[in-house]
Amino acid sequence: MPTYICLLRWTAKGLENIKESPSRLDAARKVFQAAGGTLKEFYMVAGQYDMVITAEAPDDAVIAKAILSIASKGAIQSETLRAFTESEYRSIVSGL
């Protein structure tokens, strides 16, 4: 299943209700599952972004549905990247 990396930032609304963030993460896991994907890993980070998650989904539409559903609540903004495994990378490069 394709892997995705989501770079997340809290919005002003998300920061105002920061103590609810752990329960929002639990709810996000359920959103991913209901959409047909999996939220694999979560990290709070220091720097340009506030959080990073890795997720798996069968296709781009599933990841988009999950992220849009979560972001529509107003607590986060997301930048989502399709990640290629080393094996996928080697296959792509070998075909050049």
Protein backbone atom coordinates (compact mmCIF):
# COMPACT_ATOMS: atom_id res chain seq x y z
CA MET A 1 0.00 0.00 0.00
CA PRO A 2 1.38 3.48 -0.82
CA THR A 3 2.91 5.46 2.03
CA TYR A 4 2.25 9.14 2.68
CA ILE A 5 4.00 11.67 4.91
CA CYS A 6 1.77 14.45 6.23
CA LEU A 7 3.40 17.62 7.55
CA LEU A 8 0.95 19.27 9.92
CA ARG A 9 0.60 22.66 11.58
CA TRP A 10 -1.82 23.61 14.30
CA THR A 11 -4.16 26.43 13.35
CA ALA A 12 -5.08 29.17 15.82
CA LYS A 13 -8.18 27.12 16.66
CA GLY A 14 -6.07 24.01 17.22
CA LEU A 15 -3.76 25.89 19.57
CA GLU A 16 -6.65 27.45 21.50
CA ASN A 17 -7.83 23.91 22.25
CA ILE A 18 -4.40 22.25 22.51
CA LYS A 19 -5.41 20.08 25.46
CA GLU A 20 -7.90 18.34 23.13
CA SER A 21 -5.12 17.45 20.70
CA PRO A 22 -4.59 13.87 21.98
CA SER A 23 -8.30 13.08 21.58
CA ARG A 24 -8.22 14.64 18.08
CA LEU A 25 -5.34 12.30 17.22
CA ASP A 26 -7.40 9.32 18.39
CA ALA A 27 -10.31 10.54 16.25
CA ALA A 28 -7.96 11.00 13.26
CA ARG A 29 -6.88 7.35 13.51
CA LYS A 30 -10.54 6.38 13.24
CA VAL A 31 -11.05 8.67 10.23
CA PHE A 32 -8.13 7.04 8.43
CA GLN A 33 -9.48 3.57 9.21
CA ALA A 34 -13.01 4.47 8.06
CA ALA A 35 -11.61 5.88 4.80
CA GLY A 36 -9.67 2.66 4.13
CA GLY A 37 -6.22 3.76 5.25
CA THR A 38 -4.03 3.56 8.34
CA LEU A 39 -2.37 6.29 10.38
CA LYS A 40 0.91 4.49 11.08
CA GLU A 41 3.11 6.88 13.09
CA PHE A 42 2.72 10.23 14.81
CA TYR A 43 5.45 12.64 15.88
CA MET A 44 5.26 16.08 17.45
CA VAL A 45 8.24 17.96 16.03
CA ALA A 46 10.14 21.19 16.55
CA GLY A 47 10.69 23.49 13.59
CA GLN A 48 8.60 24.58 10.64
CA TYR A 49 5.89 22.00 11.32
CA ASP A 50 4.19 20.99 14.55
CA MET A 51 3.48 17.34 13.79
CA VAL A 52 4.39 14.68 11.25
CA ILE A 53 2.38 11.56 10.54
CA THR A 54 3.01 8.64 8.26
CA ALA A 55 0.02 6.91 6.78
CA GLU A 56 -0.82 4.17 4.33
CA ALA A 57 -3.73 4.25 1.90
CA PRO A 58 -4.63 2.23 -1.17
CA ASP A 59 -4.63 5.37 -3.36
CA ASP A 60 -4.43 9.16 -3.42
CA ALA A 61 -8.21 9.55 -3.18
CA VAL A 62 -8.33 7.72 0.17
CA ILE A 63 -5.55 9.82 1.70
CA ALA A 64 -7.14 13.01 0.37
CA LYS A 65 -10.52 12.05 1.83
CA ALA A 66 -9.01 11.32 5.25
CA ILE A 67 -6.86 14.47 5.40
CA LEU A 68 -9.65 16.73 4.13
CA SER A 69 -12.05 15.26 6.66
CA ILE A 70 -9.61 15.91 9.50
CA ALA A 71 -8.53 19.38 8.31
CA SER A 72 -12.15 20.45 7.84
CA LYS A 73 -12.54 20.44 11.64
CA GLY A 74 -10.28 23.51 11.69
CA ALA A 75 -7.50 22.42 14.07
CA ILE A 76 -4.76 21.62 11.52
CA GLN A 77 -3.36 22.47 8.12
CA SER A 78 -1.64 19.74 6.13
CA GLU A 79 0.95 19.29 3.43
CA THR A 80 0.81 15.70 2.21
CA LEU A 81 3.61 13.95 0.34
CA ARG A 82 3.61 10.60 -1.45
CA ALA A 83 6.59 8.64 -0.11
CA PHE A 84 8.37 5.94 -2.10
CA THR A 85 10.11 3.07 -0.35
CA GLU A 86 13.71 2.23 -1.18
CA SER A 87 12.49 -0.67 -3.30
CA GLU A 88 10.08 1.60 -5.21
CA TYR A 89 12.85 4.18 -5.63
CA ARG A 90 15.25 1.58 -7.04
CA SER A 91 12.60 0.32 -9.46
CA ILE A 92 11.85 3.85 -10.67
CA VAL A 93 15.48 4.75 -11.16
CA SER A 94 16.33 1.47 -12.88
CA GLY A 95 13.67 2.20 -15.48
CA LEU A 96 15.35 5.43 -16.60
